[in-house]
Amino acid sequence: MLLAPALLLTTGSRLEGAGVDDLDAPLFSHEALVEHARSLAQRDHEPPPPMADPKLRMNYDQYRSIAFDRAQAIWKDTGAPFQLELFHPGFIFNVPVEIALVEDGVATPLQFSPDQFTYGGTAVPPENDGLGFSGFRAHAPINDPKRWDEFAVFQGATYFRGVGRGQSYGLSARGLAIATGAPRGEEFPYFRKFWIEKPEPGAMSMVVHALMDSPSVTGAYRFVITPGESTVMDVDMTLFPRNELDSVGVAPLTSMFLFDQTNRWGFDDFRNAVHDSDGLQILNGGGEQIWRPLANPRRLQLSAFVDDNPRGFGLMQRKRNSEDYNDFTARYEDRPSLWVEPVGDWGRGSVVLVEIPTERETNDNIVAFWRPREAIPAGGSYQASYRLYWGADAPIGSTLMHVDHTRTGASAAGKRFFVVDFDPGMSTAKIEDLSIMSSASRGRITEPHVSRDPRTGLLRTTFELDPEGNDLVELRLRLEADGEPASETWLYRWTPG
């Protein structure tokens, strides 16, 4: 996976600097956190020294053998609707973050102790306590009223994940992306402290506040997390740049795509497909619904979908049958899709898709985010609110046909044959009334045809592409009826295999 630099620690329970009194005075508020982030941005970034304890320099297997003692779960046996467990520092998480609990507006820092954990394998408890933690995870009876299951986790840089009912972890979200895919190299902001509000009995949501920091920017975040069929996170973000942010990604999503039917020839694997997400879905400001299948390219690819006030975008996992993968261990069919729904006016910008070559399914090689058209100036501020849906599908209630599968194979004399299967869903369009609207940025499309698969009911659209010697072709296809869209718009970037 894309491994971020280790988290950084603000030593002690106090945050030094201007505005800190508002955070340490016994009442905590998100407004005070915003003001502290503003004041922190007015000073140079000062990362603390890395953790010195050699016992934290453990390998992956050692780290995985350390477990939080569930008998000490936070809010256990209190009647609260949620419980928290904490993550040990170590491995790549070797400089921890602070975590405080907020009850009745009063923040109480949590203190690390090796007694909170069990150490299996060859892992050895650190000699000194007071280290802090590397993150936390939240549990609720989301699947079974008698069982506490994990539904959200925050750990590593600004990474966090969620799942809906019956799902297993897959893709991740991040608080912010800076210079992702840029030649100068990516900068990884990090959450340096969390404040978690104790929920009232019967509460449906959990509230988490976070302070973000990096060399270029500080930020204050508020997450309202509601587990369910789809786990929903309402996010409020306020940024204060130290430096101009000319390559920033808002609401970034990170996933893995190794192969499916479109690039199967590149992998000698017993499975039919391997991915946490198989496409980028966009509902743009004009109401057009777009589906862009993901790729594992030979070279880094960046795609920008220009928009004005997007209605939503996300990295989706549409293949939901075990036969799509043939991997009962990984169970990719149970991985969540993640949809971003902007709240308010996001203005002009682009949904950006970054596709990074990889040969391993352990690497997160797909990133998608919103990039504002204008750079965010140093000394200014930027606010955005959005809602994240961790679930099976995008919550847009569309009646348009959607792409079910994309396939491609060799045709005669260097041409490519494409198959795009549309699921009619709730569409009432008749096949005899459909027309195919297709285009290619280079080369030539011939013999477009649509027919119904009598076995599945899917509408199969086929065509042939002659690249005419070009090594990159942008393809576009949509089914229409009476001049109106009957399907979402299928986009595809073809490059030689």
Protein backbone atom coordinates (compact mmCIF):
# COMPACT_ATOMS: atom_id res chain seq x y z
CA MET A 1 0.00 0.00 0.00
CA LEU A 2 1.00 3.66 -0.19
CA LEU A 3 2.84 3.97 3.09
CA ALA A 4 2.78 7.43 4.60
CA PRO A 5 5.54 8.75 6.84
CA ALA A 6 5.07 7.86 10.49
CA LEU A 7 2.79 10.00 12.59
CA LEU A 8 4.24 12.84 14.62
CA LEU A 9 3.74 13.52 18.30
CA THR A 10 3.09 16.78 20.12
CA THR A 11 4.89 15.89 23.33
CA GLY A 12 2.96 16.15 26.55
CA SER A 13 -0.77 16.72 26.93
CA ARG A 14 -0.44 20.44 26.19
CA LEU A 15 -0.31 21.90 22.73
CA GLU A 16 2.26 24.66 22.79
CA GLY A 17 1.74 28.07 21.23
CA ALA A 18 -0.83 30.80 20.71
CA GLY A 19 -4.44 29.83 21.24
CA VAL A 20 -3.56 26.79 23.33
CA ASP A 21 -5.35 28.11 26.41
CA ASP A 22 -8.68 27.64 24.65
CA LEU A 23 -7.87 23.94 24.22
CA ASP A 24 -6.50 23.34 27.71
CA ALA A 25 -9.08 25.37 29.59
CA PRO A 26 -11.24 22.88 30.94
CA LEU A 27 -13.92 23.20 28.22
CA PHE A 28 -13.06 21.93 24.77
CA SER A 29 -14.81 23.28 21.68
CA HIS A 30 -14.34 22.83 17.96
CA GLU A 31 -14.20 26.61 17.58
CA ALA A 32 -11.15 26.69 19.88
CA LEU A 33 -9.56 23.92 17.79
CA VAL A 34 -10.07 25.97 14.62
CA GLU A 35 -8.42 28.98 16.23
CA HIS A 36 -5.52 26.88 17.42
CA ALA A 37 -4.98 25.51 13.90
CA ARG A 38 -5.00 29.09 12.63
CA SER A 39 -2.36 30.19 15.13
CA LEU A 40 -0.23 27.09 14.51
CA ALA A 41 -0.10 27.94 10.80
CA GLN A 42 1.52 31.27 11.62
CA ARG A 43 4.64 29.48 12.90
CA ASP A 44 7.13 27.26 11.13
CA HIS A 45 6.39 23.57 11.16
CA GLU A 46 8.40 21.91 13.93
CA PRO A 47 8.35 18.10 13.79
CA PRO A 48 9.53 16.49 17.03
CA PRO A 49 12.37 13.97 17.06
CA PRO A 50 11.45 10.36 16.23
CA MET A 51 10.71 7.84 18.96
CA ALA A 52 13.98 6.53 20.42
CA ASP A 53 12.83 3.25 21.99
CA PRO A 54 14.39 0.48 19.82
CA LYS A 55 11.60 -1.92 20.79
CA LEU A 56 9.22 0.08 18.60
CA ARG A 57 11.33 -0.69 15.52
CA MET A 58 9.46 -3.92 14.92
CA ASN A 59 8.51 -5.68 11.69
CA TYR A 60 5.00 -6.19 10.37
CA ASP A 61 4.46 -9.62 11.96
CA GLN A 62 5.63 -8.38 15.36
CA TYR A 63 3.34 -5.38 15.16
CA ARG A 64 0.36 -7.49 14.14
CA SER A 65 0.90 -9.70 17.18
CA ILE A 66 0.14 -6.80 19.54
CA ALA A 67 -3.52 -6.46 20.51
CA PHE A 68 -5.44 -4.04 22.66
CA ASP A 69 -6.96 -5.69 25.72
CA ARG A 70 -10.68 -5.70 24.87
CA ALA A 71 -11.56 -5.89 28.56
CA GLN A 72 -10.24 -2.31 28.76
CA ALA A 73 -12.27 -1.00 25.82
CA ILE A 74 -13.25 2.64 26.35
CA TRP A 75 -16.90 3.08 27.40
CA LYS A 76 -17.27 -0.67 27.93
CA ASP A 77 -20.13 -1.49 30.31
CA THR A 78 -21.17 2.17 30.55
CA GLY A 79 -24.31 1.92 28.43
CA ALA A 80 -22.69 3.97 25.65
CA PRO A 81 -23.64 2.86 22.12
CA PHE A 82 -20.00 2.77 20.97
CA GLN A 83 -16.70 1.40 22.26
CA LEU A 84 -13.14 2.42 21.39
CA GLU A 85 -9.92 0.40 21.17
CA LEU A 86 -6.47 1.93 20.82
CA PHE A 87 -3.53 1.11 18.55
CA HIS A 88 -0.01 0.56 19.86
CA PRO A 89 2.89 2.62 18.41
CA GLY A 90 5.54 0.79 16.37
CA PHE A 91 6.33 -0.56 12.89
CA ILE A 92 5.65 2.41 10.54
CA PHE A 93 3.62 4.08 13.31
CA ASN A 94 6.66 4.80 15.45
CA VAL A 95 5.86 8.35 16.58
CA PRO A 96 2.38 8.37 18.11
CA VAL A 97 -0.48 10.84 18.33
CA GLU A 98 -2.38 12.10 21.33
CA ILE A 99 -5.98 11.11 22.03
CA ALA A 100 -8.34 12.83 24.46
CA LEU A 101 -11.88 11.98 25.51
CA VAL A 102 -14.45 14.76 25.76
CA GLU A 103 -17.33 14.47 28.23
CA ASP A 104 -19.64 17.37 29.04
CA GLY A 105 -17.24 19.58 27.10
CA VAL A 106 -14.22 18.64 29.23
CA ALA A 107 -11.23 16.98 27.49
CA THR A 108 -9.24 14.32 29.36
CA PRO A 109 -6.04 13.02 27.70
CA LEU A 110 -5.59 9.24 27.54
CA GLN A 111 -2.29 7.91 28.88
CA PHE A 112 -0.44 5.06 27.21
CA SER A 113 0.57 2.01 29.24
CA PRO A 114 1.91 -1.38 28.05
CA ASP A 115 -0.64 -2.94 30.43
CA GLN A 116 -3.36 -1.95 27.96
CA PHE A 117 -2.02 -4.44 25.39
CA THR A 118 -1.15 -8.10 24.95
CA TYR A 119 2.15 -8.91 23.27
CA GLY A 120 2.32 -12.07 21.15
CA GLY A 121 5.01 -13.48 18.89
CA THR A 122 8.38 -11.80 19.42
CA ALA A 123 7.01 -8.34 20.22
CA VAL A 124 8.35 -6.91 23.48
CA PRO A 125 6.60 -4.24 25.58
CA PRO A 126 8.43 -0.91 25.53
CA GLU A 127 10.22 -0.02 28.74
CA ASN A 128 8.79 3.47 29.06
CA ASP A 129 5.12 4.32 29.17
CA GLY A 130 3.60 7.67 28.28
CA LEU A 131 4.32 7.03 24.61
CA GLY A 132 0.90 7.82 23.22
CA PHE A 133 -1.00 5.81 20.63
CA SER A 134 -0.90 5.40 16.86
CA GLY A 135 -4.65 5.59 16.36
CA PHE A 136 -7.98 4.12 17.38
CA ARG A 137 -10.89 2.06 16.11
CA ALA A 138 -14.59 2.24 16.91
CA HIS A 139 -16.99 -0.63 17.57
CA ALA A 140 -20.78 -0.93 17.67
CA PRO A 141 -23.34 -3.75 17.31
CA ILE A 142 -23.62 -2.90 13.61
CA ASN A 143 -24.17 -6.50 12.41
CA ASP A 144 -25.49 -8.30 15.47
CA PRO A 145 -27.07 -6.71 18.58
CA LYS A 146 -25.04 -9.11 20.72
CA ARG A 147 -21.67 -8.46 19.08
CA TRP A 148 -19.41 -5.39 18.98
CA ASP A 149 -17.99 -5.09 15.46
CA GLU A 150 -15.48 -2.59 14.13
CA PHE A 151 -16.90 0.04 11.76
CA ALA A 152 -14.26 2.79 11.60
CA VAL A 153 -10.52 3.17 12.13
CA PHE A 154 -8.14 6.18 12.17
CA GLN A 155 -4.44 5.32 11.89
CA GLY A 156 -1.45 6.59 9.91
CA ALA A 157 -0.93 10.15 8.59
CA THR A 158 -4.53 11.30 7.89
CA TYR A 159 -5.78 7.87 6.77
CA PHE A 160 -9.10 6.50 7.98
CA ARG A 161 -11.48 3.75 6.89
CA GLY A 162 -15.06 2.66 7.40
CA VAL A 163 -17.40 -0.19 6.56
CA GLY A 164 -21.13 -0.64 6.27
CA ARG A 165 -23.15 -3.57 7.56
CA GLY A 166 -21.75 -6.95 6.48
CA GLN A 167 -18.66 -5.44 4.82
CA SER A 168 -14.92 -5.85 5.34
CA TYR A 169 -12.26 -3.15 5.07
CA GLY A 170 -10.99 -2.17 1.64
CA LEU A 171 -10.22 1.33 0.41
CA SER A 172 -9.24 4.29 2.62
CA ALA A 173 -9.99 7.98 2.86
CA ARG A 174 -7.58 10.72 3.89
CA GLY A 175 -7.93 14.12 5.44
CA LEU A 176 -5.95 15.84 2.66
CA ALA A 177 -3.68 15.07 -0.28
CA ILE A 178 -0.80 17.34 -1.29
CA ALA A 179 1.12 16.98 -4.58
CA THR A 180 -0.13 13.43 -5.21
CA GLY A 181 1.46 12.20 -8.42
CA ALA A 182 3.53 15.39 -8.79
CA PRO A 183 7.21 15.15 -9.85
CA ARG A 184 8.32 17.00 -6.71
CA GLY A 185 6.99 14.20 -4.52
CA GLU A 186 3.97 13.90 -2.28
CA GLU A 187 3.66 15.54 1.12
CA PHE A 188 1.74 13.59 3.75
CA PRO A 189 -0.11 15.69 6.34
CA TYR A 190 -0.86 13.93 9.61
CA PHE A 191 -3.37 14.10 12.43
CA ARG A 192 -1.39 14.98 15.54
CA LYS A 193 -4.22 14.86 18.08
CA PHE A 194 -7.80 13.55 18.34
CA TRP A 195 -10.62 14.60 20.65
CA ILE A 196 -13.43 12.02 20.82
CA GLU A 197 -16.77 12.97 22.37
CA LYS A 198 -18.43 10.45 24.65
CA PRO A 199 -21.84 9.63 23.11
CA GLU A 200 -25.02 9.74 25.14
CA PRO A 201 -26.91 6.45 25.64
CA GLY A 202 -28.96 5.76 22.52
CA ALA A 203 -26.92 8.14 20.33
CA MET A 204 -26.78 7.13 16.67
CA SER A 205 -23.52 8.96 15.89
CA MET A 206 -20.01 9.39 17.28
CA VAL A 207 -18.16 12.73 17.04
CA VAL A 208 -14.40 12.97 16.47
CA HIS A 209 -12.29 16.15 16.23
CA ALA A 210 -8.76 16.18 14.83
CA LEU A 211 -5.85 18.62 14.51
CA MET A 212 -3.93 18.24 11.25
CA ASP A 213 -0.40 19.49 10.61
CA SER A 214 2.29 19.33 7.92
CA PRO A 215 5.06 21.55 6.57
CA SER A 216 2.57 23.26 4.22
CA VAL A 217 -0.72 23.45 6.10
CA THR A 218 -2.61 23.04 9.37
CA GLY A 219 -6.24 22.08 9.70
CA ALA A 220 -9.15 21.44 12.05
CA TYR A 221 -11.52 18.55 11.30
CA ARG A 222 -14.83 17.38 12.71
CA PHE A 223 -16.24 13.93 11.89
CA VAL A 224 -19.77 12.84 12.75
CA ILE A 225 -19.81 9.08 12.17
CA THR A 226 -23.07 7.11 11.89
CA PRO A 227 -22.70 3.35 11.37
CA GLY A 228 -25.38 1.42 9.51
CA GLU A 229 -26.22 -0.30 6.23
CA SER A 230 -23.95 2.39 4.83
CA THR A 231 -21.69 4.01 7.41
CA VAL A 232 -21.92 7.76 6.93
CA MET A 233 -19.30 10.33 7.95
CA ASP A 234 -20.10 14.04 7.89
CA VAL A 235 -16.82 15.92 7.58
CA ASP A 236 -16.14 19.60 8.25
CA MET A 237 -12.64 20.76 7.34
CA THR A 238 -10.92 24.12 7.81
CA LEU A 239 -7.41 24.58 6.37
CA PHE A 240 -4.77 27.24 7.08
CA PRO A 241 -1.91 27.03 4.55
CA ARG A 242 1.63 27.95 5.56
CA ASN A 243 2.59 27.71 1.88
CA GLU A 244 0.51 28.16 -1.23
CA LEU A 245 -1.41 24.96 -1.96
CA ASP A 246 -1.30 24.71 -5.75
CA SER A 247 -1.67 20.93 -5.94
CA VAL A 248 -4.11 20.03 -3.19
CA GLY A 249 -6.60 17.16 -3.06
CA VAL A 250 -9.82 17.62 -1.07
CA ALA A 251 -11.68 14.51 0.17
CA PRO A 252 -9.00 12.12 -1.16
CA LEU A 253 -9.77 8.42 -1.57
CA THR A 254 -7.10 5.72 -1.85
CA SER A 255 -7.68 2.21 -3.20
CA MET A 256 -6.14 -0.80 -4.99
CA PHE A 257 -6.72 -2.07 -8.51
CA LEU A 258 -4.54 -4.92 -9.76
CA PHE A 259 -6.45 -6.55 -12.63
CA ASP A 260 -9.83 -7.53 -14.04
CA GLN A 261 -11.08 -8.54 -17.50
CA THR A 262 -9.55 -5.44 -19.12
CA ASN A 263 -5.93 -6.29 -18.25
CA ARG A 264 -6.11 -9.99 -17.36
CA TRP A 265 -3.26 -10.89 -19.74
CA GLY A 266 -0.70 -9.19 -17.53
CA PHE A 267 -1.17 -11.48 -14.50
CA ASP A 268 -0.64 -15.21 -14.04
CA ASP A 269 -3.20 -15.61 -11.25
CA PHE A 270 -5.88 -18.18 -10.39
CA ARG A 271 -8.40 -15.44 -9.62
CA ASN A 272 -10.74 -13.68 -12.03
CA ALA A 273 -10.09 -10.19 -10.66
CA VAL A 274 -8.24 -8.50 -7.79
CA HIS A 275 -9.27 -5.02 -6.67
CA ASP A 276 -10.76 -3.02 -3.80
CA SER A 277 -12.45 -0.71 -6.33
CA ASP A 278 -13.17 -1.18 -10.03
CA GLY A 279 -14.27 2.28 -11.17
CA LEU A 280 -14.49 6.01 -10.59
CA GLN A 281 -18.08 7.25 -10.57
CA ILE A 282 -18.94 10.94 -10.95
CA LEU A 283 -22.18 12.88 -10.82
CA ASN A 284 -21.06 16.21 -12.18
CA GLY A 285 -22.56 19.65 -11.71
CA GLY A 286 -24.47 19.35 -14.99
CA GLY A 287 -26.17 16.16 -13.83
CA GLU A 288 -24.19 13.83 -16.09
CA GLN A 289 -23.44 10.43 -14.57
CA ILE A 290 -19.98 9.12 -15.49
CA TRP A 291 -18.33 5.73 -15.07
CA ARG A 292 -14.58 5.41 -15.63
CA PRO A 293 -13.19 1.84 -15.20
CA LEU A 294 -9.93 1.81 -13.28
CA ALA A 295 -6.61 0.75 -14.80
CA ASN A 296 -3.27 -0.59 -13.63
CA PRO A 297 -1.17 1.22 -16.23
CA ARG A 298 2.40 0.64 -17.35
CA ARG A 299 3.16 4.28 -16.55
CA LEU A 300 1.73 6.75 -14.05
CA GLN A 301 -1.55 8.19 -15.33
CA LEU A 302 -3.36 11.33 -14.20
CA SER A 303 -6.84 12.19 -15.44
CA ALA A 304 -8.75 15.38 -14.60
CA PHE A 305 -12.52 15.69 -15.04
CA VAL A 306 -13.25 19.42 -15.08
CA ASP A 307 -16.42 20.43 -13.28
CA ASP A 308 -18.33 23.21 -11.58
CA ASN A 309 -20.01 22.36 -8.26
CA PRO A 310 -19.81 18.56 -8.46
CA ARG A 311 -22.70 16.64 -6.95
CA GLY A 312 -20.59 13.64 -6.02
CA PHE A 313 -17.78 11.26 -6.89
CA GLY A 314 -16.38 8.05 -5.54
CA LEU A 315 -14.29 4.93 -5.96
CA MET A 316 -16.79 2.12 -6.30
CA GLN A 317 -16.76 -1.67 -6.02
CA ARG A 318 -19.54 -2.82 -8.37
CA LYS A 319 -18.67 -6.50 -8.77
CA ARG A 320 -20.51 -8.13 -5.85
CA ASN A 321 -20.48 -11.87 -6.66
CA SER A 322 -17.88 -14.25 -5.26
CA GLU A 323 -17.47 -15.69 -8.78
CA ASP A 324 -16.19 -12.28 -9.92
CA TYR A 325 -13.02 -12.90 -7.87
CA ASN A 326 -12.85 -16.58 -6.85
CA ASP A 327 -11.04 -15.64 -3.62
CA PHE A 328 -12.97 -16.73 -0.53
CA THR A 329 -10.13 -15.53 1.74
CA ALA A 330 -9.85 -11.91 0.58
CA ARG A 331 -13.58 -11.67 -0.27
CA TYR A 332 -13.20 -8.62 -2.46
CA GLU A 333 -16.95 -8.75 -3.14
CA ASP A 334 -17.50 -7.52 0.44
CA ARG A 335 -15.28 -4.43 0.16
CA PRO A 336 -17.12 -1.07 0.45
CA SER A 337 -17.59 1.57 -2.18
CA LEU A 338 -16.89 5.12 -1.00
CA TRP A 339 -18.97 8.05 -2.25
CA VAL A 340 -18.20 11.72 -1.59
CA GLU A 341 -21.18 14.08 -1.49
CA PRO A 342 -20.16 17.75 -1.36
CA VAL A 343 -22.10 19.99 1.02
CA GLY A 344 -22.47 23.54 -0.20
CA ASP A 345 -20.80 25.24 -3.16
CA TRP A 346 -17.42 23.73 -4.11
CA GLY A 347 -17.01 25.98 -7.14
CA ARG A 348 -14.83 25.18 -10.13
CA GLY A 349 -12.16 22.53 -10.21
CA SER A 350 -11.57 18.92 -11.23
CA VAL A 351 -12.11 15.43 -9.98
CA VAL A 352 -8.59 14.01 -10.34
CA LEU A 353 -7.80 10.32 -10.79
CA VAL A 354 -4.25 9.05 -10.22
CA GLU A 355 -3.42 5.51 -11.39
CA ILE A 356 -0.02 4.12 -10.37
CA PRO A 357 1.54 0.96 -11.84
CA THR A 358 1.79 -1.95 -9.42
CA GLU A 359 2.51 -5.67 -9.49
CA ARG A 360 1.14 -6.42 -6.01
CA GLU A 361 -2.28 -6.28 -4.41
CA THR A 362 -0.70 -4.99 -1.19
CA ASN A 363 -0.04 -1.63 -2.89
CA ASP A 364 -2.74 1.03 -2.89
CA ASN A 365 -2.21 2.43 -6.38
CA ILE A 366 -5.40 4.41 -7.02
CA VAL A 367 -6.13 7.92 -5.69
CA ALA A 368 -9.11 10.17 -6.43
CA PHE A 369 -9.87 13.64 -5.04
CA TRP A 370 -11.30 17.09 -5.76
CA ARG A 371 -8.83 19.78 -6.80
CA PRO A 372 -10.05 23.40 -6.64
CA ARG A 373 -9.23 25.37 -9.77
CA GLU A 374 -7.55 28.19 -7.84
CA ALA A 375 -4.58 27.64 -5.56
CA ILE A 376 -5.19 28.25 -1.85
CA PRO A 377 -2.84 31.12 -0.89
CA ALA A 378 -0.44 31.04 2.05
CA GLY A 379 -1.86 32.84 5.05
CA GLY A 380 -5.42 32.31 3.86
CA SER A 381 -8.01 29.72 4.78
CA TYR A 382 -10.18 27.16 3.03
CA GLN A 383 -13.32 25.47 4.33
CA ALA A 384 -15.13 22.47 2.90
CA SER A 385 -17.86 20.17 4.14
CA TYR A 386 -18.82 16.82 2.67
CA ARG A 387 -20.47 13.51 3.46
CA LEU A 388 -18.81 10.12 2.98
CA TYR A 389 -20.88 6.98 2.35
CA TRP A 390 -19.13 3.66 3.02
CA GLY A 391 -21.53 1.17 1.47
CA ALA A 392 -22.47 -0.96 -1.50
CA ASP A 393 -23.33 1.77 -3.99
CA ALA A 394 -23.63 5.51 -4.59
CA PRO A 395 -26.72 6.96 -2.86
CA ILE A 396 -27.98 8.89 -5.91
CA GLY A 397 -31.17 6.96 -6.78
CA SER A 398 -30.54 6.95 -10.51
CA THR A 399 -32.88 5.29 -13.03
CA LEU A 400 -30.21 5.30 -15.76
CA MET A 401 -28.62 2.06 -16.90
CA HIS A 402 -25.23 1.59 -15.28
CA VAL A 403 -22.09 -0.18 -16.47
CA ASP A 404 -21.90 -3.73 -15.16
CA HIS A 405 -18.71 -4.98 -16.88
CA THR A 406 -16.08 -3.75 -19.30
CA ARG A 407 -14.12 -6.22 -21.39
CA THR A 408 -11.64 -5.87 -24.22
CA GLY A 409 -9.66 -8.22 -26.43
CA ALA A 410 -7.59 -8.34 -29.57
CA SER A 411 -9.30 -8.04 -32.92
CA ALA A 412 -7.96 -8.26 -36.46
CA ALA A 413 -4.91 -6.34 -37.69
CA GLY A 414 -4.03 -4.53 -34.47
CA LYS A 415 -7.57 -3.45 -33.65
CA ARG A 416 -9.28 -3.82 -30.28
CA PHE A 417 -12.73 -5.26 -29.60
CA PHE A 418 -14.66 -3.74 -26.69
CA VAL A 419 -17.66 -5.08 -24.76
CA VAL A 420 -19.55 -2.82 -22.36
CA ASP A 421 -22.43 -4.47 -20.48
CA PHE A 422 -25.13 -2.17 -19.10
CA ASP A 423 -27.48 -3.20 -16.31
CA PRO A 424 -30.93 -1.84 -17.24
CA GLY A 425 -31.88 -1.47 -13.57
CA MET A 426 -35.01 0.64 -13.30
CA SER A 427 -34.76 2.02 -16.83
CA THR A 428 -37.89 1.72 -18.98
CA ALA A 429 -36.12 2.36 -22.30
CA LYS A 430 -36.77 -0.24 -25.00
CA ILE A 431 -33.81 -1.68 -26.86
CA GLU A 432 -35.28 -0.80 -30.26
CA ASP A 433 -35.38 2.86 -29.22
CA LEU A 434 -31.73 2.99 -28.11
CA SER A 435 -28.95 4.68 -30.04
CA ILE A 436 -25.23 4.46 -29.33
CA MET A 437 -23.34 7.73 -28.95
CA SER A 438 -19.61 7.00 -29.11
CA SER A 439 -16.40 8.89 -29.82
CA ALA A 440 -12.62 8.45 -29.75
CA SER A 441 -10.02 11.16 -29.20
CA ARG A 442 -7.80 9.45 -31.78
CA GLY A 443 -8.20 6.50 -34.11
CA ARG A 444 -11.59 5.27 -35.27
CA ILE A 445 -14.59 3.43 -33.80
CA THR A 446 -16.48 1.04 -36.09
CA GLU A 447 -19.40 -1.39 -35.93
CA PRO A 448 -21.11 -0.22 -32.71
CA HIS A 449 -23.95 -2.56 -31.78
CA VAL A 450 -26.26 -3.16 -28.83
CA SER A 451 -28.15 -6.38 -28.01
CA ARG A 452 -29.74 -8.00 -24.98
CA ASP A 453 -28.03 -10.95 -23.30
CA PRO A 454 -30.86 -13.51 -23.00
CA ARG A 455 -29.18 -15.18 -19.99
CA THR A 456 -28.62 -12.14 -17.79
CA GLY A 457 -30.84 -9.40 -19.22
CA LEU A 458 -27.83 -7.10 -19.55
CA LEU A 459 -27.56 -4.85 -22.58
CA ARG A 460 -24.32 -5.63 -24.36
CA THR A 461 -22.76 -2.82 -26.36
CA THR A 462 -19.87 -3.77 -28.62
CA PHE A 463 -17.57 -1.87 -30.96
CA GLU A 464 -14.17 -2.09 -32.58
CA LEU A 465 -11.37 0.43 -32.10
CA ASP A 466 -8.66 1.02 -34.66
CA PRO A 467 -6.00 3.07 -32.78
CA GLU A 468 -4.38 3.93 -36.13
CA GLY A 469 -0.94 3.81 -34.55
CA ASN A 470 -1.74 5.99 -31.54
CA ASP A 471 -0.60 4.85 -28.09
CA LEU A 472 -3.35 6.62 -26.11
CA VAL A 473 -7.03 6.92 -27.00
CA GLU A 474 -9.79 8.41 -24.84
CA LEU A 475 -13.08 6.61 -25.49
CA ARG A 476 -16.59 7.78 -24.69
CA LEU A 477 -19.87 5.89 -25.00
CA ARG A 478 -23.47 6.37 -23.89
CA LEU A 479 -26.85 4.88 -24.73
CA GLU A 480 -29.59 7.37 -25.54
CA ALA A 481 -33.32 7.17 -26.17
CA ASP A 482 -35.21 9.98 -27.93
CA GLY A 483 -32.12 12.18 -27.62
CA GLU A 484 -31.93 11.82 -23.84
CA PRO A 485 -29.42 9.79 -21.79
CA ALA A 486 -30.61 6.24 -21.12
CA SER A 487 -27.34 5.15 -19.51
CA GLU A 488 -24.49 6.68 -17.60
CA THR A 489 -21.53 7.83 -19.68
CA TRP A 490 -18.76 5.26 -20.03
CA LEU A 491 -15.24 6.70 -20.31
CA TYR A 492 -12.12 4.66 -20.95
CA ARG A 493 -8.46 5.42 -21.55
CA TRP A 494 -6.94 2.83 -23.87
CA THR A 495 -3.18 2.32 -24.00
CA PRO A 496 -1.28 -0.64 -25.47
CA GLY A 497 -1.05 -3.63 -23.12
